Amino acid sequence: MVLDNKTIMALIPLVIIQLILIIVCVIDWNKREKFKNLNKWFWLIVILFVNIIGPILYLTFGRDNDNN
C-alpha cells in the first residue's frame, strides 16, 4: 500500500497527539503511588501499547484522586 502526501499529512496530527498523550501519561504514571482498578504496571502497558485509547483510558479510569 502506497500512501500519498494527503494521507501522510492527515496522519501527522494523529501521531503528534498520540506521542503527547503517551508522554503526559507516562510522566503522571511515574509520579503516582495509587491507581484505581488495576495495578501500576498494567496501566503502563495500556498506556504504551493501546493506541490513542490507552492513554485516554488511563487518564479517565486509572488515576486515583489523591491530588498528586
C-alpha atoms as a PDB file:
ATOM      1  CA  MET A   1       0.000   0.000   0.000  1.00  0.00           C
ATOM      2  CA  VAL A   2       1.430   3.330  -1.085  1.00  0.00           C
ATOM      3  CA  LEU A   3       0.490   6.413   0.916  1.00  0.00           C
ATOM      4  CA  ASP A   4       0.101   9.670  -0.924  1.00  0.00           C
ATOM      5  CA  ASN A   5       1.028  13.069   0.527  1.00  0.00           C
ATOM      6  CA  LYS A   6      -2.541  13.896   1.599  1.00  0.00           C
ATOM      7  CA  THR A   7      -2.792  10.729   3.650  1.00  0.00           C
ATOM      8  CA  ILE A   8       0.574  11.332   5.281  1.00  0.00           C
ATOM      9  CA  MET A   9      -0.338  14.935   6.091  1.00  0.00           C
ATOM     10  CA  ALA A  10      -3.609  13.743   7.654  1.00  0.00           C
ATOM     11  CA  LEU A  11      -1.787  11.200   9.851  1.00  0.00           C
ATOM     12  CA  ILE A  12       0.849  13.593  11.213  1.00  0.00           C
ATOM     13  CA  PRO A  13      -1.510  15.353  13.693  1.00  0.00           C
ATOM     14  CA  LEU A  14      -2.731  11.975  14.976  1.00  0.00           C
ATOM     15  CA  VAL A  15       0.824  10.792  15.552  1.00  0.00           C
ATOM     16  CA  ILE A  16       1.686  14.024  17.379  1.00  0.00           C
ATOM     17  CA  ILE A  17      -1.419  13.743  19.596  1.00  0.00           C
ATOM     18  CA  GLN A  18      -0.558  10.112  20.367  1.00  0.00           C
ATOM     19  CA  LEU A  19       3.010  10.999  21.373  1.00  0.00           C
ATOM     20  CA  ILE A  20       1.877  13.883  23.582  1.00  0.00           C
ATOM     21  CA  LEU A  21      -0.697  11.663  25.303  1.00  0.00           C
ATOM     22  CA  ILE A  22       1.882   8.950  25.924  1.00  0.00           C
ATOM     23  CA  ILE A  23       4.439  11.394  27.344  1.00  0.00           C
ATOM     24  CA  VAL A  24       1.912  13.085  29.659  1.00  0.00           C
ATOM     25  CA  CYS A  25       0.545   9.765  30.882  1.00  0.00           C
ATOM     26  CA  VAL A  26       3.949   8.165  31.496  1.00  0.00           C
ATOM     27  CA  ILE A  27       5.080  11.215  33.500  1.00  0.00           C
ATOM     28  CA  ASP A  28       1.864  11.095  35.550  1.00  0.00           C
ATOM     29  CA  TRP A  29       2.129   7.308  35.928  1.00  0.00           C
ATOM     30  CA  ASN A  30       5.677   7.651  37.260  1.00  0.00           C
ATOM     31  CA  LYS A  31       4.646  10.192  39.919  1.00  0.00           C
ATOM     32  CA  ARG A  32       1.693   8.224  41.322  1.00  0.00           C
ATOM     33  CA  GLU A  33       1.654   5.589  44.037  1.00  0.00           C
ATOM     34  CA  LYS A  34      -2.062   4.675  43.928  1.00  0.00           C
ATOM     35  CA  PHE A  35      -4.106   3.551  40.950  1.00  0.00           C
ATOM     36  CA  LYS A  36      -7.758   2.650  40.534  1.00  0.00           C
ATOM     37  CA  ASN A  37      -8.979  -0.655  39.113  1.00  0.00           C
ATOM     38  CA  LEU A  38      -5.638  -2.211  38.062  1.00  0.00           C
ATOM     39  CA  ASN A  39      -2.036  -2.267  39.240  1.00  0.00           C
ATOM     40  CA  LYS A  40       0.693   0.184  38.247  1.00  0.00           C
ATOM     41  CA  TRP A  41       2.482  -1.993  35.688  1.00  0.00           C
ATOM     42  CA  PHE A  42      -0.675  -2.983  33.867  1.00  0.00           C
ATOM     43  CA  TRP A  43      -1.528   0.690  33.375  1.00  0.00           C
ATOM     44  CA  LEU A  44       1.915   1.283  31.861  1.00  0.00           C
ATOM     45  CA  ILE A  45       1.270  -1.487  29.335  1.00  0.00           C
ATOM     46  CA  VAL A  46      -2.129   0.036  28.479  1.00  0.00           C
ATOM     47  CA  ILE A  47      -0.584   3.498  28.064  1.00  0.00           C
ATOM     48  CA  LEU A  48       2.201   2.305  25.790  1.00  0.00           C
ATOM     49  CA  PHE A  49       0.514  -0.355  23.671  1.00  0.00           C
ATOM     50  CA  VAL A  50      -3.146   0.620  23.228  1.00  0.00           C
ATOM     51  CA  ASN A  51      -3.061   3.335  20.579  1.00  0.00           C
ATOM     52  CA  ILE A  52      -4.706   6.660  21.467  1.00  0.00           C
ATOM     53  CA  ILE A  53      -7.400   4.962  23.575  1.00  0.00           C
ATOM     54  CA  GLY A  54      -4.907   3.579  26.143  1.00  0.00           C
ATOM     55  CA  PRO A  55      -3.717   6.948  27.479  1.00  0.00           C
ATOM     56  CA  ILE A  56      -7.295   8.235  27.484  1.00  0.00           C
ATOM     57  CA  LEU A  57      -8.420   5.169  29.468  1.00  0.00           C
ATOM     58  CA  TYR A  58      -5.599   5.761  31.946  1.00  0.00           C
ATOM     59  CA  LEU A  59      -6.497   9.430  32.394  1.00  0.00           C
ATOM     60  CA  THR A  60     -10.167   8.559  32.804  1.00  0.00           C
ATOM     61  CA  PHE A  61     -10.150   5.330  34.841  1.00  0.00           C
ATOM     62  CA  GLY A  62      -6.615   4.667  36.087  1.00  0.00           C
ATOM     63  CA  ARG A  63      -5.627   7.598  38.234  1.00  0.00           C
ATOM     64  CA  ASP A  64      -6.628   7.654  41.866  1.00  0.00           C
ATOM     65  CA  ASN A  65      -7.869  11.009  43.167  1.00  0.00           C
ATOM     66  CA  ASP A  66      -5.063  11.578  45.648  1.00  0.00           C
ATOM     67  CA  ASN A  67      -4.335  15.165  44.494  1.00  0.00           C
ATOM     68  CA  ASN A  68      -0.914  14.286  43.034  1.00  0.00           C
END
